[in-house]
Amino acid sequence: MTQKADDIPGVIAPPPLIALATILLGLAADWLFPVFVLKILLTFYVRVTIGVAVVACGAALALAAERKFKQAGTNVMPWKPSLALATAGVYATLRNPMYVALAMLVGGIAVALASDWMLVLVIPMFAVLHYGVVMREERYLERKFGDDYRRYKDSVPRYGWPP
């Protein structure tokens, strides 16, 4: 496939905006309909420790994934054309580390801030990422890279757990 106007995955929105919307909606819901489950179950220090640890792991995963994209010589932004397949490093065990990292970042922020609704909204956020971003990217990558991508897809789990 040559680089043309249709040489993009057609994701519904930039994934960082999807995460930001989740954070903002979660905070708004906490303000409008407070629940306090995380505040009751976990002390402030435990929440912050868990939240910071999860955010740090998510950030490390995202940075490792971004580094491998750059080493492969492809675009990091999913609304730009893919120039090569990234299959080394973290991509050897996980096809979508950036989206797993994004969920970890939002989940960690939710725990640290004791935002019950934000934590709940990680589930629909991940569904939006899955159907609005990941599935579109996979169809695009199959069209663009054919059998190379299909072999990779068959050998590496999408989110790290076996199909």
N, C-alpha and C. Protein backbone atom coordinates (compact mmCIF):
# COMPACT_ATOMS: atom_id res chain seq x y z
N MET A 1 0.85 -1.16 0.00
CA MET A 1 0.00 0.00 0.00
C MET A 1 0.90 1.23 0.00
N THR A 2 0.70 2.12 -0.91
CA THR A 2 1.48 3.35 -0.96
C THR A 2 0.90 4.36 0.02
N GLN A 3 1.70 5.38 0.33
CA GLN A 3 1.22 6.37 1.28
C GLN A 3 0.26 7.32 0.59
N LYS A 4 -1.02 7.16 0.86
CA LYS A 4 -2.10 7.96 0.29
C LYS A 4 -2.94 8.52 1.42
N ALA A 5 -3.96 9.27 1.05
CA ALA A 5 -4.85 9.84 2.05
C ALA A 5 -5.55 8.76 2.87
N ASP A 6 -5.76 7.57 2.28
CA ASP A 6 -6.43 6.50 3.02
C ASP A 6 -5.44 5.61 3.77
N ASP A 7 -4.17 6.02 3.82
CA ASP A 7 -3.14 5.25 4.50
C ASP A 7 -3.06 5.64 5.98
N ILE A 8 -4.21 5.56 6.63
CA ILE A 8 -4.30 5.81 8.06
C ILE A 8 -5.30 4.83 8.66
N PRO A 9 -5.16 4.53 9.95
CA PRO A 9 -6.06 3.55 10.57
C PRO A 9 -7.50 4.02 10.73
N GLY A 10 -7.73 5.32 10.78
CA GLY A 10 -9.09 5.82 10.96
C GLY A 10 -9.61 5.65 12.38
N VAL A 11 -8.75 5.90 13.37
CA VAL A 11 -9.18 5.79 14.77
C VAL A 11 -10.23 6.87 15.06
N ILE A 12 -11.13 6.58 16.00
CA ILE A 12 -12.24 7.51 16.26
C ILE A 12 -11.80 8.78 16.96
N ALA A 13 -10.72 8.71 17.71
CA ALA A 13 -10.20 9.89 18.43
C ALA A 13 -8.79 9.56 18.90
N PRO A 14 -7.97 10.58 19.11
CA PRO A 14 -6.64 10.31 19.68
C PRO A 14 -6.78 9.65 21.05
N PRO A 15 -6.11 8.53 21.27
CA PRO A 15 -6.23 7.83 22.55
C PRO A 15 -5.96 8.70 23.78
N PRO A 16 -4.99 9.64 23.75
CA PRO A 16 -4.84 10.48 24.95
C PRO A 16 -6.08 11.33 25.24
N LEU A 17 -6.82 11.73 24.21
CA LEU A 17 -8.05 12.48 24.44
C LEU A 17 -9.13 11.60 25.05
N ILE A 18 -9.15 10.33 24.65
CA ILE A 18 -10.11 9.39 25.24
C ILE A 18 -9.80 9.23 26.73
N ALA A 19 -8.52 9.13 27.07
CA ALA A 19 -8.12 9.01 28.48
C ALA A 19 -8.45 10.29 29.24
N LEU A 20 -8.17 11.45 28.65
CA LEU A 20 -8.48 12.71 29.30
C LEU A 20 -9.98 12.85 29.55
N ALA A 21 -10.78 12.46 28.58
CA ALA A 21 -12.24 12.50 28.75
C ALA A 21 -12.67 11.60 29.90
N THR A 22 -12.03 10.44 30.02
CA THR A 22 -12.35 9.51 31.12
C THR A 22 -12.01 10.15 32.46
N ILE A 23 -10.85 10.78 32.54
CA ILE A 23 -10.45 11.43 33.79
C ILE A 23 -11.44 12.53 34.17
N LEU A 24 -11.76 13.38 33.20
CA LEU A 24 -12.67 14.50 33.48
C LEU A 24 -14.08 14.02 33.82
N LEU A 25 -14.58 13.03 33.09
CA LEU A 25 -15.91 12.49 33.40
C LEU A 25 -15.93 11.83 34.77
N GLY A 26 -14.85 11.11 35.09
CA GLY A 26 -14.77 10.47 36.41
C GLY A 26 -14.77 11.48 37.54
N LEU A 27 -13.99 12.55 37.37
CA LEU A 27 -13.96 13.59 38.41
C LEU A 27 -15.31 14.29 38.54
N ALA A 28 -15.95 14.55 37.41
CA ALA A 28 -17.28 15.19 37.44
C ALA A 28 -18.30 14.28 38.13
N ALA A 29 -18.26 12.99 37.81
CA ALA A 29 -19.19 12.05 38.43
C ALA A 29 -18.92 11.93 39.93
N ASP A 30 -17.64 11.96 40.33
CA ASP A 30 -17.31 11.93 41.76
C ASP A 30 -17.88 13.15 42.48
N TRP A 31 -17.85 14.29 41.83
CA TRP A 31 -18.36 15.52 42.42
C TRP A 31 -19.89 15.48 42.51
N LEU A 32 -20.53 14.99 41.44
CA LEU A 32 -22.00 14.95 41.40
C LEU A 32 -22.59 13.81 42.22
N PHE A 33 -21.94 12.65 42.18
CA PHE A 33 -22.47 11.44 42.84
C PHE A 33 -21.37 10.77 43.65
N PRO A 34 -20.91 11.37 44.73
CA PRO A 34 -19.80 10.80 45.50
C PRO A 34 -20.14 9.42 46.08
N VAL A 35 -19.14 8.55 46.05
CA VAL A 35 -19.34 7.19 46.54
C VAL A 35 -18.42 6.88 47.72
N PHE A 36 -17.16 7.26 47.68
CA PHE A 36 -16.18 7.12 48.77
C PHE A 36 -15.73 5.68 49.05
N VAL A 37 -15.89 4.77 48.12
CA VAL A 37 -15.46 3.38 48.34
C VAL A 37 -13.94 3.30 48.52
N LEU A 38 -13.19 3.93 47.63
CA LEU A 38 -11.73 3.87 47.74
C LEU A 38 -11.24 4.55 49.02
N LYS A 39 -11.89 5.63 49.42
CA LYS A 39 -11.49 6.32 50.66
C LYS A 39 -11.76 5.46 51.89
N ILE A 40 -12.82 4.67 51.84
CA ILE A 40 -13.16 3.80 52.97
C ILE A 40 -12.23 2.58 53.01
N LEU A 41 -11.97 1.99 51.83
CA LEU A 41 -11.18 0.76 51.77
C LEU A 41 -9.68 0.97 51.97
N LEU A 42 -9.17 2.11 51.49
CA LEU A 42 -7.72 2.33 51.51
C LEU A 42 -7.38 3.65 52.19
N THR A 43 -6.34 3.62 53.00
CA THR A 43 -5.88 4.86 53.60
C THR A 43 -5.26 5.75 52.53
N PHE A 44 -5.10 7.02 52.85
CA PHE A 44 -4.51 7.97 51.92
C PHE A 44 -3.15 7.47 51.42
N TYR A 45 -2.28 7.04 52.32
CA TYR A 45 -0.93 6.62 51.94
C TYR A 45 -0.94 5.36 51.09
N VAL A 46 -1.82 4.45 51.38
CA VAL A 46 -1.93 3.22 50.58
C VAL A 46 -2.43 3.57 49.18
N ARG A 47 -3.46 4.43 49.11
CA ARG A 47 -3.99 4.84 47.79
C ARG A 47 -2.91 5.52 46.96
N VAL A 48 -2.21 6.45 47.56
CA VAL A 48 -1.18 7.19 46.82
C VAL A 48 -0.05 6.25 46.41
N THR A 49 0.35 5.36 47.30
CA THR A 49 1.43 4.41 46.97
C THR A 49 1.02 3.51 45.81
N ILE A 50 -0.17 2.95 45.87
CA ILE A 50 -0.65 2.08 44.79
C ILE A 50 -0.80 2.89 43.50
N GLY A 51 -1.43 4.05 43.61
CA GLY A 51 -1.65 4.89 42.43
C GLY A 51 -0.35 5.29 41.76
N VAL A 52 0.61 5.75 42.54
CA VAL A 52 1.90 6.17 41.97
C VAL A 52 2.62 4.97 41.34
N ALA A 53 2.56 3.82 41.99
CA ALA A 53 3.21 2.63 41.44
C ALA A 53 2.58 2.23 40.10
N VAL A 54 1.26 2.24 40.03
CA VAL A 54 0.57 1.86 38.79
C VAL A 54 0.85 2.89 37.69
N VAL A 55 0.82 4.18 38.03
CA VAL A 55 1.13 5.23 37.06
C VAL A 55 2.57 5.07 36.56
N ALA A 56 3.50 4.81 37.48
CA ALA A 56 4.91 4.64 37.09
C ALA A 56 5.09 3.45 36.15
N CYS A 57 4.42 2.34 36.45
CA CYS A 57 4.50 1.16 35.58
C CYS A 57 3.89 1.46 34.21
N GLY A 58 2.76 2.15 34.20
CA GLY A 58 2.13 2.52 32.94
C GLY A 58 3.01 3.45 32.13
N ALA A 59 3.62 4.42 32.79
CA ALA A 59 4.52 5.35 32.08
C ALA A 59 5.73 4.62 31.52
N ALA A 60 6.30 3.71 32.31
CA ALA A 60 7.45 2.94 31.83
C ALA A 60 7.08 2.09 30.62
N LEU A 61 5.91 1.47 30.66
CA LEU A 61 5.45 0.66 29.54
C LEU A 61 5.24 1.53 28.30
N ALA A 62 4.61 2.69 28.47
CA ALA A 62 4.37 3.59 27.34
C ALA A 62 5.68 4.09 26.74
N LEU A 63 6.64 4.43 27.58
CA LEU A 63 7.93 4.92 27.08
C LEU A 63 8.70 3.82 26.35
N ALA A 64 8.65 2.60 26.88
CA ALA A 64 9.30 1.48 26.21
C ALA A 64 8.67 1.22 24.84
N ALA A 65 7.35 1.31 24.78
CA ALA A 65 6.63 1.10 23.52
C ALA A 65 6.97 2.20 22.52
N GLU A 66 6.96 3.44 22.98
CA GLU A 66 7.28 4.56 22.09
C GLU A 66 8.70 4.44 21.55
N ARG A 67 9.62 4.04 22.40
CA ARG A 67 11.03 3.86 21.97
C ARG A 67 11.12 2.81 20.86
N LYS A 68 10.38 1.72 21.00
CA LYS A 68 10.42 0.66 19.98
C LYS A 68 9.80 1.12 18.67
N PHE A 69 8.74 1.93 18.75
CA PHE A 69 8.15 2.51 17.52
C PHE A 69 9.19 3.35 16.81
N LYS A 70 9.89 4.19 17.55
CA LYS A 70 10.89 5.07 16.95
C LYS A 70 12.06 4.27 16.38
N GLN A 71 12.47 3.21 17.08
CA GLN A 71 13.55 2.36 16.57
C GLN A 71 13.14 1.64 15.30
N ALA A 72 11.86 1.29 15.20
CA ALA A 72 11.35 0.62 14.00
C ALA A 72 11.17 1.61 12.85
N GLY A 73 11.19 2.91 13.15
CA GLY A 73 11.03 3.93 12.12
C GLY A 73 9.60 4.16 11.70
N THR A 74 8.68 4.06 12.64
CA THR A 74 7.28 4.28 12.33
C THR A 74 6.70 5.39 13.20
N ASN A 75 5.55 5.88 12.79
CA ASN A 75 4.88 6.94 13.53
C ASN A 75 4.29 6.41 14.83
N VAL A 76 4.39 7.21 15.88
CA VAL A 76 3.83 6.84 17.17
C VAL A 76 2.33 7.16 17.20
N MET A 77 1.94 8.27 16.59
CA MET A 77 0.55 8.71 16.61
C MET A 77 -0.32 7.80 15.74
N PRO A 78 -1.41 7.23 16.29
CA PRO A 78 -2.21 6.26 15.54
C PRO A 78 -3.08 6.88 14.44
N TRP A 79 -3.07 8.18 14.30
CA TRP A 79 -3.82 8.82 13.22
C TRP A 79 -2.91 9.16 12.05
N LYS A 80 -1.64 8.72 12.14
CA LYS A 80 -0.68 8.89 11.04
C LYS A 80 -0.38 7.52 10.44
N PRO A 81 0.13 7.49 9.21
CA PRO A 81 0.43 6.20 8.57
C PRO A 81 1.48 5.39 9.33
N SER A 82 1.30 4.08 9.34
CA SER A 82 2.33 3.18 9.89
C SER A 82 3.35 2.95 8.79
N LEU A 83 4.61 3.09 9.13
CA LEU A 83 5.67 2.94 8.15
C LEU A 83 6.39 1.61 8.26
N ALA A 84 6.28 0.97 9.43
CA ALA A 84 6.92 -0.33 9.67
C ALA A 84 6.21 -0.99 10.85
N LEU A 85 6.39 -2.29 10.97
CA LEU A 85 5.84 -3.01 12.12
C LEU A 85 6.86 -2.98 13.26
N ALA A 86 6.41 -2.70 14.45
CA ALA A 86 7.24 -2.79 15.65
C ALA A 86 6.91 -4.13 16.30
N THR A 87 7.88 -5.03 16.32
CA THR A 87 7.64 -6.37 16.86
C THR A 87 8.67 -6.79 17.90
N ALA A 88 9.62 -5.92 18.20
CA ALA A 88 10.68 -6.24 19.15
C ALA A 88 10.38 -5.63 20.51
N GLY A 89 11.18 -6.00 21.49
CA GLY A 89 11.03 -5.45 22.83
C GLY A 89 9.68 -5.80 23.43
N VAL A 90 9.00 -4.79 23.97
CA VAL A 90 7.71 -5.00 24.60
C VAL A 90 6.68 -5.53 23.60
N TYR A 91 6.87 -5.21 22.31
CA TYR A 91 5.94 -5.67 21.28
C TYR A 91 6.10 -7.17 20.97
N ALA A 92 7.12 -7.80 21.52
CA ALA A 92 7.28 -9.24 21.34
C ALA A 92 6.35 -10.02 22.27
N THR A 93 5.82 -9.36 23.30
CA THR A 93 4.92 -10.06 24.24
C THR A 93 3.54 -9.42 24.33
N LEU A 94 3.38 -8.23 23.74
CA LEU A 94 2.17 -7.46 23.90
C LEU A 94 1.97 -6.62 22.63
N ARG A 95 0.85 -6.82 21.92
CA ARG A 95 0.62 -6.08 20.67
C ARG A 95 0.23 -4.63 20.88
N ASN A 96 -0.38 -4.32 22.00
CA ASN A 96 -0.89 -2.96 22.24
C ASN A 96 -0.44 -2.40 23.59
N PRO A 97 0.86 -2.32 23.81
CA PRO A 97 1.32 -1.85 25.12
C PRO A 97 0.93 -0.41 25.44
N MET A 98 0.81 0.43 24.41
CA MET A 98 0.46 1.82 24.70
C MET A 98 -0.96 1.95 25.26
N TYR A 99 -1.86 1.11 24.82
CA TYR A 99 -3.24 1.19 25.31
C TYR A 99 -3.37 0.54 26.68
N VAL A 100 -2.60 -0.50 26.93
CA VAL A 100 -2.55 -1.07 28.28
C VAL A 100 -1.96 -0.03 29.23
N ALA A 101 -0.90 0.65 28.78
CA ALA A 101 -0.28 1.69 29.60
C ALA A 101 -1.26 2.83 29.89
N LEU A 102 -2.04 3.21 28.89
CA LEU A 102 -3.01 4.29 29.08
C LEU A 102 -4.04 3.90 30.14
N ALA A 103 -4.52 2.67 30.10
CA ALA A 103 -5.47 2.19 31.11
C ALA A 103 -4.81 2.18 32.49
N MET A 104 -3.55 1.79 32.54
CA MET A 104 -2.83 1.80 33.82
C MET A 104 -2.68 3.22 34.35
N LEU A 105 -2.36 4.16 33.47
CA LEU A 105 -2.21 5.55 33.90
C LEU A 105 -3.52 6.09 34.48
N VAL A 106 -4.61 5.89 33.77
CA VAL A 106 -5.91 6.39 34.26
C VAL A 106 -6.31 5.64 35.54
N GLY A 107 -6.11 4.34 35.57
CA GLY A 107 -6.44 3.57 36.78
C GLY A 107 -5.61 4.00 37.98
N GLY A 108 -4.33 4.23 37.76
CA GLY A 108 -3.46 4.69 38.84
C GLY A 108 -3.85 6.06 39.35
N ILE A 109 -4.18 6.96 38.44
CA ILE A 109 -4.64 8.29 38.84
C ILE A 109 -5.93 8.17 39.65
N ALA A 110 -6.82 7.30 39.19
CA ALA A 110 -8.09 7.11 39.90
C ALA A 110 -7.87 6.63 41.33
N VAL A 111 -7.00 5.66 41.50
CA VAL A 111 -6.74 5.14 42.84
C VAL A 111 -6.08 6.22 43.70
N ALA A 112 -5.07 6.90 43.17
CA ALA A 112 -4.37 7.93 43.93
C ALA A 112 -5.31 9.05 44.37
N LEU A 113 -6.25 9.43 43.51
CA LEU A 113 -7.19 10.51 43.83
C LEU A 113 -8.46 10.01 44.53
N ALA A 114 -8.54 8.70 44.76
CA ALA A 114 -9.74 8.09 45.35
C ALA A 114 -10.97 8.41 44.51
N SER A 115 -10.81 8.34 43.19
CA SER A 115 -11.90 8.63 42.27
C SER A 115 -12.58 7.33 41.85
N ASP A 116 -13.61 6.98 42.60
CA ASP A 116 -14.33 5.73 42.33
C ASP A 116 -14.88 5.69 40.91
N TRP A 117 -15.50 6.79 40.48
CA TRP A 117 -16.11 6.80 39.15
C TRP A 117 -15.07 6.73 38.05
N MET A 118 -13.94 7.38 38.23
CA MET A 118 -12.89 7.32 37.22
C MET A 118 -12.40 5.87 37.08
N LEU A 119 -12.26 5.19 38.20
CA LEU A 119 -11.82 3.80 38.16
C LEU A 119 -12.85 2.93 37.43
N VAL A 120 -14.12 3.16 37.69
CA VAL A 120 -15.18 2.42 37.00
C VAL A 120 -15.15 2.74 35.50
N LEU A 121 -14.92 4.00 35.16
CA LEU A 121 -14.94 4.42 33.76
C LEU A 121 -13.75 3.91 32.94
N VAL A 122 -12.75 3.33 33.60
CA VAL A 122 -11.65 2.71 32.86
C VAL A 122 -12.19 1.58 31.98
N ILE A 123 -13.23 0.90 32.43
CA ILE A 123 -13.79 -0.21 31.66
C ILE A 123 -14.42 0.28 30.35
N PRO A 124 -15.34 1.25 30.37
CA PRO A 124 -15.84 1.74 29.09
C PRO A 124 -14.75 2.44 28.26
N MET A 125 -13.77 3.09 28.93
CA MET A 125 -12.67 3.70 28.19
C MET A 125 -11.93 2.63 27.39
N PHE A 126 -11.67 1.50 28.04
CA PHE A 126 -10.95 0.43 27.36
C PHE A 126 -11.79 -0.14 26.23
N ALA A 127 -13.10 -0.21 26.41
CA ALA A 127 -13.97 -0.68 25.32
C ALA A 127 -13.92 0.28 24.14
N VAL A 128 -13.93 1.59 24.41
CA VAL A 128 -13.81 2.57 23.33
C VAL A 128 -12.46 2.43 22.64
N LEU A 129 -11.40 2.26 23.41
CA LEU A 129 -10.08 2.05 22.81
C LEU A 129 -10.06 0.78 21.96
N HIS A 130 -10.66 -0.28 22.48
CA HIS A 130 -10.65 -1.55 21.76
C HIS A 130 -11.39 -1.44 20.43
N TYR A 131 -12.64 -0.98 20.48
CA TYR A 131 -13.45 -0.97 19.26
C TYR A 131 -13.19 0.25 18.37
N GLY A 132 -12.86 1.38 18.97
CA GLY A 132 -12.68 2.60 18.18
C GLY A 132 -11.26 2.85 17.72
N VAL A 133 -10.31 2.16 18.34
CA VAL A 133 -8.90 2.38 17.98
C VAL A 133 -8.24 1.07 17.56
N VAL A 134 -8.15 0.12 18.49
CA VAL A 134 -7.39 -1.11 18.25
C VAL A 134 -7.93 -1.91 17.07
N MET A 135 -9.22 -2.15 17.03
CA MET A 135 -9.78 -2.97 15.94
C MET A 135 -9.58 -2.28 14.59
N ARG A 136 -9.69 -0.96 14.56
CA ARG A 136 -9.46 -0.21 13.31
C ARG A 136 -7.99 -0.29 12.91
N GLU A 137 -7.11 -0.17 13.89
CA GLU A 137 -5.68 -0.29 13.60
C GLU A 137 -5.35 -1.68 13.05
N GLU A 138 -5.94 -2.70 13.65
CA GLU A 138 -5.64 -4.06 13.21
C GLU A 138 -6.08 -4.29 11.76
N ARG A 139 -7.27 -3.79 11.40
CA ARG A 139 -7.72 -3.94 10.01
C ARG A 139 -6.77 -3.19 9.07
N TYR A 140 -6.37 -2.00 9.47
CA TYR A 140 -5.45 -1.19 8.67
C TYR A 140 -4.10 -1.90 8.52
N LEU A 141 -3.55 -2.42 9.61
CA LEU A 141 -2.25 -3.08 9.55
C LEU A 141 -2.30 -4.35 8.72
N GLU A 142 -3.41 -5.07 8.76
CA GLU A 142 -3.56 -6.25 7.89
C GLU A 142 -3.58 -5.85 6.43
N ARG A 143 -4.28 -4.76 6.10
CA ARG A 143 -4.29 -4.28 4.71
C ARG A 143 -2.90 -3.83 4.27
N LYS A 144 -2.22 -3.15 5.14
CA LYS A 144 -0.93 -2.56 4.77
C LYS A 144 0.20 -3.57 4.77
N PHE A 145 0.28 -4.42 5.77
CA PHE A 145 1.43 -5.32 5.92
C PHE A 145 1.11 -6.78 5.64
N GLY A 146 -0.16 -7.11 5.39
CA GLY A 146 -0.55 -8.44 4.95
C GLY A 146 -0.12 -9.57 5.88
N ASP A 147 0.53 -10.57 5.27
CA ASP A 147 0.91 -11.78 6.01
C ASP A 147 1.89 -11.51 7.14
N ASP A 148 2.76 -10.52 6.98
CA ASP A 148 3.70 -10.20 8.06
C ASP A 148 2.94 -9.82 9.32
N TYR A 149 1.91 -8.99 9.17
CA TYR A 149 1.14 -8.60 10.35
C TYR A 149 0.29 -9.76 10.86
N ARG A 150 -0.29 -10.54 9.95
CA ARG A 150 -1.11 -11.68 10.39
C ARG A 150 -0.28 -12.68 11.20
N ARG A 151 0.96 -12.94 10.76
CA ARG A 151 1.82 -13.85 11.53
C ARG A 151 2.12 -13.27 12.91
N TYR A 152 2.42 -11.97 12.95
CA TYR A 152 2.69 -11.31 14.22
C TYR A 152 1.45 -11.38 15.12
N LYS A 153 0.30 -11.08 14.55
CA LYS A 153 -0.96 -11.08 15.29
C LYS A 153 -1.26 -12.47 15.85
N ASP A 154 -0.94 -13.50 15.09
CA ASP A 154 -1.19 -14.86 15.54
C ASP A 154 -0.24 -15.31 16.65
N SER A 155 0.92 -14.65 16.76
CA SER A 155 1.93 -15.12 17.72
C SER A 155 2.03 -14.27 18.98
N VAL A 156 1.43 -13.07 18.98
CA VAL A 156 1.56 -12.18 20.14
C VAL A 156 0.16 -11.76 20.60
N PRO A 157 -0.15 -11.96 21.88
CA PRO A 157 -1.48 -11.57 22.38
C PRO A 157 -1.69 -10.05 22.33
N ARG A 158 -2.92 -9.67 22.09
CA ARG A 158 -3.29 -8.26 21.93
C ARG A 158 -2.96 -7.43 23.16
N TYR A 159 -3.39 -7.88 24.33
CA TYR A 159 -3.21 -7.10 25.56
C TYR A 159 -2.34 -7.82 26.58
N GLY A 160 -1.67 -8.86 26.17
CA GLY A 160 -0.75 -9.56 27.08
C GLY A 160 -1.26 -10.86 27.63
N TRP A 161 -2.57 -11.08 27.56
CA TRP A 161 -3.08 -12.37 28.02
C TRP A 161 -3.46 -13.19 26.79
N PRO A 162 -3.35 -14.52 26.91
CA PRO A 162 -3.65 -15.37 25.73
C PRO A 162 -5.09 -15.21 25.29
N PRO A 163 -5.32 -15.42 23.98
CA PRO A 163 -6.70 -15.30 23.44
C PRO A 163 -7.64 -16.33 24.03
